[in-house]
PDB file of N, CA and C in Angstrom:
ATOM      1  N   MET A   1      62.322 -52.813 -46.344  1.00  0.00           N
ATOM      2  CA  MET A   1      62.369 -52.302 -48.097  1.00  0.00           C
ATOM      3  C   MET A   1      63.418 -51.438 -48.547  1.00  0.00           C
ATOM      4  N   THR A   2      63.185 -51.433 -49.694  1.00  0.00           N
ATOM      5  CA  THR A   2      64.043 -50.753 -50.660  1.00  0.00           C
ATOM      6  C   THR A   2      64.101 -49.267 -50.930  1.00  0.00           C
ATOM      7  N   LEU A   3      65.307 -48.954 -50.989  1.00  0.00           N
ATOM      8  CA  LEU A   3      64.998 -47.638 -51.721  1.00  0.00           C
ATOM      9  C   LEU A   3      64.053 -47.080 -52.815  1.00  0.00           C
ATOM     10  N   THR A   4      64.023 -48.077 -53.407  1.00  0.00           N
ATOM     11  CA  THR A   4      63.108 -47.469 -54.433  1.00  0.00           C
ATOM     12  C   THR A   4      61.483 -47.673 -53.808  1.00  0.00           C
ATOM     13  N   TRP A   5      61.057 -48.479 -52.919  1.00  0.00           N
ATOM     14  CA  TRP A   5      59.517 -48.713 -52.354  1.00  0.00           C
ATOM     15  C   TRP A   5      59.787 -46.659 -51.423  1.00  0.00           C
ATOM     16  N   LEU A   6      60.864 -46.805 -50.889  1.00  0.00           N
ATOM     17  CA  LEU A   6      60.814 -45.850 -50.102  1.00  0.00           C
ATOM     18  C   LEU A   6      60.521 -43.999 -50.993  1.00  0.00           C
ATOM     19  N   LEU A   7      61.626 -43.938 -52.034  1.00  0.00           N
ATOM     20  CA  LEU A   7      60.736 -42.973 -52.421  1.00  0.00           C
ATOM     21  C   LEU A   7      59.214 -42.821 -53.613  1.00  0.00           C
ATOM     22  N   LEU A   8      58.893 -44.031 -54.391  1.00  0.00           N
ATOM     23  CA  LEU A   8      57.969 -43.990 -54.067  1.00  0.00           C
ATOM     24  C   LEU A   8      56.959 -43.507 -53.322  1.00  0.00           C
ATOM     25  N   ILE A   9      57.161 -44.193 -51.870  1.00  0.00           N
ATOM     26  CA  ILE A   9      55.774 -44.038 -50.413  1.00  0.00           C
ATOM     27  C   ILE A   9      56.215 -42.182 -51.185  1.00  0.00           C
ATOM     28  N   ALA A  10      57.471 -41.109 -50.784  1.00  0.00           N
ATOM     29  CA  ALA A  10      58.001 -39.891 -50.274  1.00  0.00           C
ATOM     30  C   ALA A  10      57.417 -39.462 -51.692  1.00  0.00           C
ATOM     31  N   ALA A  11      57.068 -40.078 -52.673  1.00  0.00           N
ATOM     32  CA  ALA A  11      56.699 -38.876 -54.028  1.00  0.00           C
ATOM     33  C   ALA A  11      55.444 -39.015 -53.919  1.00  0.00           C
ATOM     34  N   VAL A  12      54.184 -39.984 -53.545  1.00  0.00           N
ATOM     35  CA  VAL A  12      53.150 -40.123 -53.469  1.00  0.00           C
ATOM     36  C   VAL A  12      52.720 -39.551 -52.299  1.00  0.00           C
ATOM     37  N   ALA A  13      53.503 -39.359 -51.489  1.00  0.00           N
ATOM     38  CA  ALA A  13      52.818 -38.612 -50.329  1.00  0.00           C
ATOM     39  C   ALA A  13      53.475 -36.711 -50.368  1.00  0.00           C
ATOM     40  N   LEU A  14      54.276 -36.616 -51.348  1.00  0.00           N
ATOM     41  CA  LEU A  14      54.420 -35.054 -52.056  1.00  0.00           C
ATOM     42  C   LEU A  14      53.253 -34.307 -52.626  1.00  0.00           C
ATOM     43  N   LEU A  15      52.862 -35.581 -53.232  1.00  0.00           N
ATOM     44  CA  LEU A  15      51.592 -35.547 -54.601  1.00  0.00           C
ATOM     45  C   LEU A  15      50.711 -35.216 -54.196  1.00  0.00           C
ATOM     46  N   VAL A  16      50.129 -35.769 -52.190  1.00  0.00           N
ATOM     47  CA  VAL A  16      48.852 -35.440 -51.891  1.00  0.00           C
ATOM     48  C   VAL A  16      49.708 -34.161 -50.969  1.00  0.00           C
ATOM     49  N   ILE A  17      50.564 -34.218 -50.341  1.00  0.00           N
ATOM     50  CA  ILE A  17      50.544 -32.489 -49.780  1.00  0.00           C
ATOM     51  C   ILE A  17      50.011 -31.658 -50.789  1.00  0.00           C
ATOM     52  N   GLY A  18      51.150 -31.533 -52.096  1.00  0.00           N
ATOM     53  CA  GLY A  18      50.923 -30.519 -53.054  1.00  0.00           C
ATOM     54  C   GLY A  18      49.289 -30.852 -53.716  1.00  0.00           C
ATOM     55  N   ALA A  19      48.453 -31.245 -53.374  1.00  0.00           N
ATOM     56  CA  ALA A  19      47.222 -31.379 -53.737  1.00  0.00           C
ATOM     57  C   ALA A  19      46.330 -30.202 -53.177  1.00  0.00           C
ATOM     58  N   LEU A  20      46.241 -30.829 -51.653  1.00  0.00           N
ATOM     59  CA  LEU A  20      45.856 -30.144 -50.565  1.00  0.00           C
ATOM     60  C   LEU A  20      45.589 -28.689 -50.984  1.00  0.00           C
ATOM     61  N   ARG A  21      44.181 -28.604 -50.846  1.00  0.00           N
ATOM     62  CA  ARG A  21      44.289 -26.748 -50.927  1.00  0.00           C
ATOM     63  C   ARG A  21      44.695 -26.284 -49.285  1.00  0.00           C
ATOM     64  N   TRP A  22      45.727 -25.744 -48.913  1.00  0.00           N
ATOM     65  CA  TRP A  22      46.282 -25.264 -47.254  1.00  0.00           C
ATOM     66  C   TRP A  22      45.625 -23.952 -46.984  1.00  0.00           C
ATOM     67  N   ASP A  23      45.427 -22.983 -47.907  1.00  0.00           N
ATOM     68  CA  ASP A  23      44.257 -22.094 -47.824  1.00  0.00           C
ATOM     69  C   ASP A  23      43.141 -22.099 -47.763  1.00  0.00           C
ATOM     70  N   LEU A  24      42.296 -22.889 -48.203  1.00  0.00           N
ATOM     71  CA  LEU A  24      40.772 -23.280 -47.570  1.00  0.00           C
ATOM     72  C   LEU A  24      40.704 -23.940 -46.218  1.00  0.00           C
ATOM     73  N   LEU A  25      41.812 -24.481 -46.382  1.00  0.00           N
ATOM     74  CA  LEU A  25      42.085 -25.310 -44.655  1.00  0.00           C
ATOM     75  C   LEU A  25      41.946 -24.478 -43.528  1.00  0.00           C
ATOM     76  N   VAL A  26      43.289 -23.378 -43.941  1.00  0.00           N
ATOM     77  CA  VAL A  26      43.421 -22.923 -42.930  1.00  0.00           C
ATOM     78  C   VAL A  26      42.478 -21.121 -43.218  1.00  0.00           C
ATOM     79  N   ALA A  27      41.626 -21.016 -43.959  1.00  0.00           N
ATOM     80  CA  ALA A  27      40.394 -20.143 -43.714  1.00  0.00           C
ATOM     81  C   ALA A  27      39.266 -20.725 -42.896  1.00  0.00           C
ATOM     82  N   ARG A  28      39.366 -22.157 -43.552  1.00  0.00           N
ATOM     83  CA  ARG A  28      37.687 -22.724 -42.520  1.00  0.00           C
ATOM     84  C   ARG A  28      38.126 -23.025 -41.329  1.00  0.00           C
ATOM     85  N   TRP A  29      39.291 -23.327 -40.667  1.00  0.00           N
ATOM     86  CA  TRP A  29      40.366 -23.443 -39.473  1.00  0.00           C
ATOM     87  C   TRP A  29      39.534 -22.235 -38.955  1.00  0.00           C
ATOM     88  N   ARG A  30      40.305 -21.185 -39.670  1.00  0.00           N
ATOM     89  CA  ARG A  30      40.120 -19.878 -38.892  1.00  0.00           C
ATOM     90  C   ARG A  30      38.477 -19.103 -38.418  1.00  0.00           C
ATOM     91  N   GLU A  31      37.803 -19.658 -39.613  1.00  0.00           N
ATOM     92  CA  GLU A  31      36.326 -19.285 -39.745  1.00  0.00           C
ATOM     93  C   GLU A  31      35.677 -20.081 -38.379  1.00  0.00           C
ATOM     94  N   LEU A  32      35.785 -21.326 -37.826  1.00  0.00           N
ATOM     95  CA  LEU A  32      35.244 -22.129 -36.731  1.00  0.00           C
ATOM     96  C   LEU A  32      35.904 -21.679 -35.896  1.00  0.00           C
ATOM     97  N   ALA A  33      37.190 -21.412 -35.247  1.00  0.00           N
ATOM     98  CA  ALA A  33      37.448 -21.215 -33.945  1.00  0.00           C
ATOM     99  C   ALA A  33      38.198 -19.983 -33.927  1.00  0.00           C
ATOM    100  N   THR A  34      37.378 -18.894 -34.376  1.00  0.00           N
ATOM    101  CA  THR A  34      37.231 -17.321 -34.119  1.00  0.00           C
ATOM    102  C   THR A  34      35.748 -17.174 -34.018  1.00  0.00           C
ATOM    103  N   PRO A  35      35.042 -16.145 -33.131  1.00  0.00           N
ATOM    104  CA  PRO A  35      33.774 -16.371 -32.723  1.00  0.00           C
ATOM    105  C   PRO A  35      33.645 -15.036 -34.031  1.00  0.00           C
ATOM    106  N   ARG A  36      32.195 -15.051 -34.571  1.00  0.00           N
ATOM    107  CA  ARG A  36      31.634 -14.485 -35.289  1.00  0.00           C
ATOM    108  C   ARG A  36      31.865 -12.673 -34.568  1.00  0.00           C
ATOM    109  N   PRO A  37      31.921 -11.535 -35.072  1.00  0.00           N
ATOM    110  CA  PRO A  37      32.077 -10.430 -34.365  1.00  0.00           C
ATOM    111  C   PRO A  37      30.521  -9.829 -34.058  1.00  0.00           C
ATOM    112  N   GLY A  38      29.307 -10.000 -35.159  1.00  0.00           N
ATOM    113  CA  GLY A  38      28.736 -10.121 -34.724  1.00  0.00           C
ATOM    114  C   GLY A  38      27.326 -10.829 -33.451  1.00  0.00           C
ATOM    115  N   THR A  39      28.120 -12.001 -32.734  1.00  0.00           N
ATOM    116  CA  THR A  39      27.275 -13.122 -32.368  1.00  0.00           C
ATOM    117  C   THR A  39      27.344 -12.431 -30.862  1.00  0.00           C
ATOM    118  N   PRO A  40      26.360 -12.540 -30.197  1.00  0.00           N
ATOM    119  CA  PRO A  40      26.230 -12.481 -28.811  1.00  0.00           C
ATOM    120  C   PRO A  40      26.545 -13.190 -27.735  1.00  0.00           C
ATOM    121  N   GLN A  41      27.616 -12.586 -26.953  1.00  0.00           N
ATOM    122  CA  GLN A  41      27.667 -13.612 -25.753  1.00  0.00           C
ATOM    123  C   GLN A  41      27.385 -14.326 -24.794  1.00  0.00           C
ATOM    124  N   ALA A  42      26.590 -15.120 -24.201  1.00  0.00           N
ATOM    125  CA  ALA A  42      26.213 -15.447 -23.262  1.00  0.00           C
ATOM    126  C   ALA A  42      26.761 -14.658 -22.077  1.00  0.00           C
ATOM    127  N   PRO A  43      25.332 -14.642 -21.512  1.00  0.00           N
ATOM    128  CA  PRO A  43      25.818 -13.482 -20.092  1.00  0.00           C
ATOM    129  C   PRO A  43      26.580 -14.777 -18.884  1.00  0.00           C
ATOM    130  N   SER A  44      27.433 -13.952 -18.077  1.00  0.00           N
ATOM    131  CA  SER A  44      27.930 -15.734 -17.080  1.00  0.00           C
ATOM    132  C   SER A  44      27.032 -15.325 -16.394  1.00  0.00           C
ATOM    133  N   ALA A  45      27.589 -16.581 -15.001  1.00  0.00           N
ATOM    134  CA  ALA A  45      26.994 -16.419 -13.970  1.00  0.00           C
ATOM    135  C   ALA A  45      27.176 -15.032 -12.567  1.00  0.00           C
ATOM    136  N   VAL A  46      27.962 -14.871 -12.662  1.00  0.00           N
ATOM    137  CA  VAL A  46      28.062 -13.374 -12.038  1.00  0.00           C
ATOM    138  C   VAL A  46      27.190 -12.415 -12.686  1.00  0.00           C
ATOM    139  N   ASP A  47      26.484 -12.335 -13.620  1.00  0.00           N
ATOM    140  CA  ASP A  47      25.835 -10.709 -13.911  1.00  0.00           C
ATOM    141  C   ASP A  47      24.640 -11.440 -13.516  1.00  0.00           C
ATOM    142  N   HIS A  48      23.939 -12.984 -13.090  1.00  0.00           N
ATOM    143  CA  HIS A  48      22.570 -13.204 -12.949  1.00  0.00           C
ATOM    144  C   HIS A  48      22.003 -12.509 -11.258  1.00  0.00           C
ATOM    145  N   ARG A  49      20.997 -11.844 -11.627  1.00  0.00           N
ATOM    146  CA  ARG A  49      21.139 -11.083 -10.358  1.00  0.00           C
ATOM    147  C   ARG A  49      19.822 -11.684  -9.712  1.00  0.00           C
ATOM    148  N   ALA A  50      19.300 -11.928  -8.588  1.00  0.00           N
ATOM    149  CA  ALA A  50      18.393 -12.827  -7.373  1.00  0.00           C
ATOM    150  C   ALA A  50      16.809 -12.101  -8.619  1.00  0.00           C
ATOM    151  N   ASP A  51      17.240 -10.071  -8.249  1.00  0.00           N
ATOM    152  CA  ASP A  51      16.004  -9.166  -8.038  1.00  0.00           C
ATOM    153  C   ASP A  51      15.721  -9.425  -9.602  1.00  0.00           C
ATOM    154  N   HIS A  52      16.724 -10.590 -10.690  1.00  0.00           N
ATOM    155  CA  HIS A  52      15.637 -10.414 -12.282  1.00  0.00           C
ATOM    156  C   HIS A  52      14.132 -10.675 -12.445  1.00  0.00           C
ATOM    157  N   ALA A  53      12.826  -9.928 -12.920  1.00  0.00           N
ATOM    158  CA  ALA A  53      12.162 -10.124 -13.039  1.00  0.00           C
ATOM    159  C   ALA A  53      11.955 -11.250 -14.106  1.00  0.00           C
ATOM    160  N   GLY A  54      12.152 -12.252 -13.902  1.00  0.00           N
ATOM    161  CA  GLY A  54      12.436 -13.491 -15.446  1.00  0.00           C
ATOM    162  C   GLY A  54      12.206 -14.476 -14.731  1.00  0.00           C
ATOM    163  N   LEU A  55      11.791 -15.729 -16.069  1.00  0.00           N
ATOM    164  CA  LEU A  55      11.792 -17.576 -15.494  1.00  0.00           C
ATOM    165  C   LEU A  55      12.412 -17.620 -14.643  1.00  0.00           C
ATOM    166  N   HIS A  56      12.722 -18.642 -13.896  1.00  0.00           N
ATOM    167  CA  HIS A  56      13.464 -19.351 -13.038  1.00  0.00           C
ATOM    168  C   HIS A  56      13.675 -19.768 -13.390  1.00  0.00           C
ATOM    169  N   PRO A  57      14.819 -20.713 -12.824  1.00  0.00           N
ATOM    170  CA  PRO A  57      14.406 -23.016 -13.620  1.00  0.00           C
ATOM    171  C   PRO A  57      13.211 -23.419 -12.579  1.00  0.00           C
ATOM    172  N   HIS A  58      12.749 -22.937 -11.373  1.00  0.00           N
ATOM    173  CA  HIS A  58      12.499 -23.808 -10.280  1.00  0.00           C
ATOM    174  C   HIS A  58      10.938 -22.962 -10.491  1.00  0.00           C
ATOM    175  N   ALA A  59      10.130 -21.753 -11.332  1.00  0.00           N
ATOM    176  CA  ALA A  59       9.163 -21.381 -11.803  1.00  0.00           C
ATOM    177  C   ALA A  59       8.556 -22.298 -12.892  1.00  0.00           C
ATOM    178  N   ALA A  60       9.594 -22.761 -13.924  1.00  0.00           N
ATOM    179  CA  ALA A  60       9.008 -23.394 -14.670  1.00  0.00           C
ATOM    180  C   ALA A  60       7.628 -24.799 -14.343  1.00  0.00           C
ATOM    181  N   PRO A  61       7.168 -25.535 -15.731  1.00  0.00           N
ATOM    182  CA  PRO A  61       6.378 -26.155 -14.226  1.00  0.00           C
ATOM    183  C   PRO A  61       7.110 -27.572 -14.552  1.00  0.00           C
ATOM    184  N   VAL A  62       6.438 -28.696 -14.132  1.00  0.00           N
ATOM    185  CA  VAL A  62       7.126 -29.793 -13.596  1.00  0.00           C
ATOM    186  C   VAL A  62       6.654 -30.553 -15.051  1.00  0.00           C
ATOM    187  N   HIS A  63       8.085 -31.261 -15.469  1.00  0.00           N
ATOM    188  CA  HIS A  63       7.082 -32.666 -16.737  1.00  0.00           C
ATOM    189  C   HIS A  63       7.162 -33.829 -16.713  1.00  0.00           C
ATOM    190  N   LYS A  64       5.580 -34.354 -16.483  1.00  0.00           N
ATOM    191  CA  LYS A  64       4.908 -35.312 -16.361  1.00  0.00           C
ATOM    192  C   LYS A  64       5.306 -36.402 -17.454  1.00  0.00           C
ATOM    193  N   PRO A  65       5.337 -37.664 -17.592  1.00  0.00           N
ATOM    194  CA  PRO A  65       5.452 -38.183 -18.616  1.00  0.00           C
ATOM    195  C   PRO A  65       4.175 -38.580 -19.089  1.00  0.00           C
ATOM    196  N   ALA A  66       4.358 -38.568 -20.559  1.00  0.00           N
ATOM    197  CA  ALA A  66       2.992 -38.654 -21.540  1.00  0.00           C
ATOM    198  C   ALA A  66       2.105 -40.425 -21.095  1.00  0.00           C
ATOM    199  N   LEU A  67       1.056 -40.431 -21.100  1.00  0.00           N
ATOM    200  CA  LEU A  67      -0.196 -41.288 -20.779  1.00  0.00           C
ATOM    201  C   LEU A  67      -0.546 -42.231 -22.142  1.00  0.00           C
ATOM    202  N   ARG A  68      -0.170 -43.463 -22.121  1.00  0.00           N
ATOM    203  CA  ARG A  68      -0.901 -44.196 -22.855  1.00  0.00           C
ATOM    204  C   ARG A  68      -1.926 -44.277 -23.061  1.00  0.00           C
ATOM    205  N   ARG A  69      -2.974 -44.916 -24.273  1.00  0.00           N
ATOM    206  CA  ARG A  69      -4.240 -44.748 -24.159  1.00  0.00           C
ATOM    207  C   ARG A  69      -5.125 -45.841 -22.933  1.00  0.00           C
ATOM    208  N   SER A  70      -4.013 -46.642 -23.135  1.00  0.00           N
ATOM    209  CA  SER A  70      -4.583 -47.283 -21.731  1.00  0.00           C
ATOM    210  C   SER A  70      -4.716 -46.679 -20.339  1.00  0.00           C
ATOM    211  N   GLY A  71      -4.121 -45.846 -19.944  1.00  0.00           N
ATOM    212  CA  GLY A  71      -3.879 -44.861 -18.582  1.00  0.00           C
ATOM    213  C   GLY A  71      -2.761 -45.069 -18.226  1.00  0.00           C
ATOM    214  N   ARG A  72      -1.713 -46.116 -18.658  1.00  0.00           N
ATOM    215  CA  ARG A  72      -0.302 -46.601 -17.835  1.00  0.00           C
ATOM    216  C   ARG A  72       0.775 -44.794 -18.334  1.00  0.00           C
ATOM    217  N   ARG A  73       1.509 -44.577 -17.531  1.00  0.00           N
ATOM    218  CA  ARG A  73       2.280 -43.812 -18.150  1.00  0.00           C
ATOM    219  C   ARG A  73       3.565 -45.219 -18.766  1.00  0.00           C
ATOM    220  N   HIS A  74       4.460 -44.283 -19.316  1.00  0.00           N
ATOM    221  CA  HIS A  74       5.705 -44.857 -20.296  1.00  0.00           C
ATOM    222  C   HIS A  74       6.712 -45.185 -19.276  1.00  0.00           C
TER     223      HIS A  74
END
């Protein structure tokens, strides 16, 4: 490549970098990377107690596959 092509590529790269809105990109990154202050955190497995009166995975009904009109299961 000649020096002219290298300078042309560098000029285009500088124009692209200059056209980017870095403040918007940084703001979006911070918005996605940091948790919101009002968002409740999920309880950890350590906080789970066996005597807790609630639904447990084994208490849920077992899912049965749907029946077709002919009576066969899917």
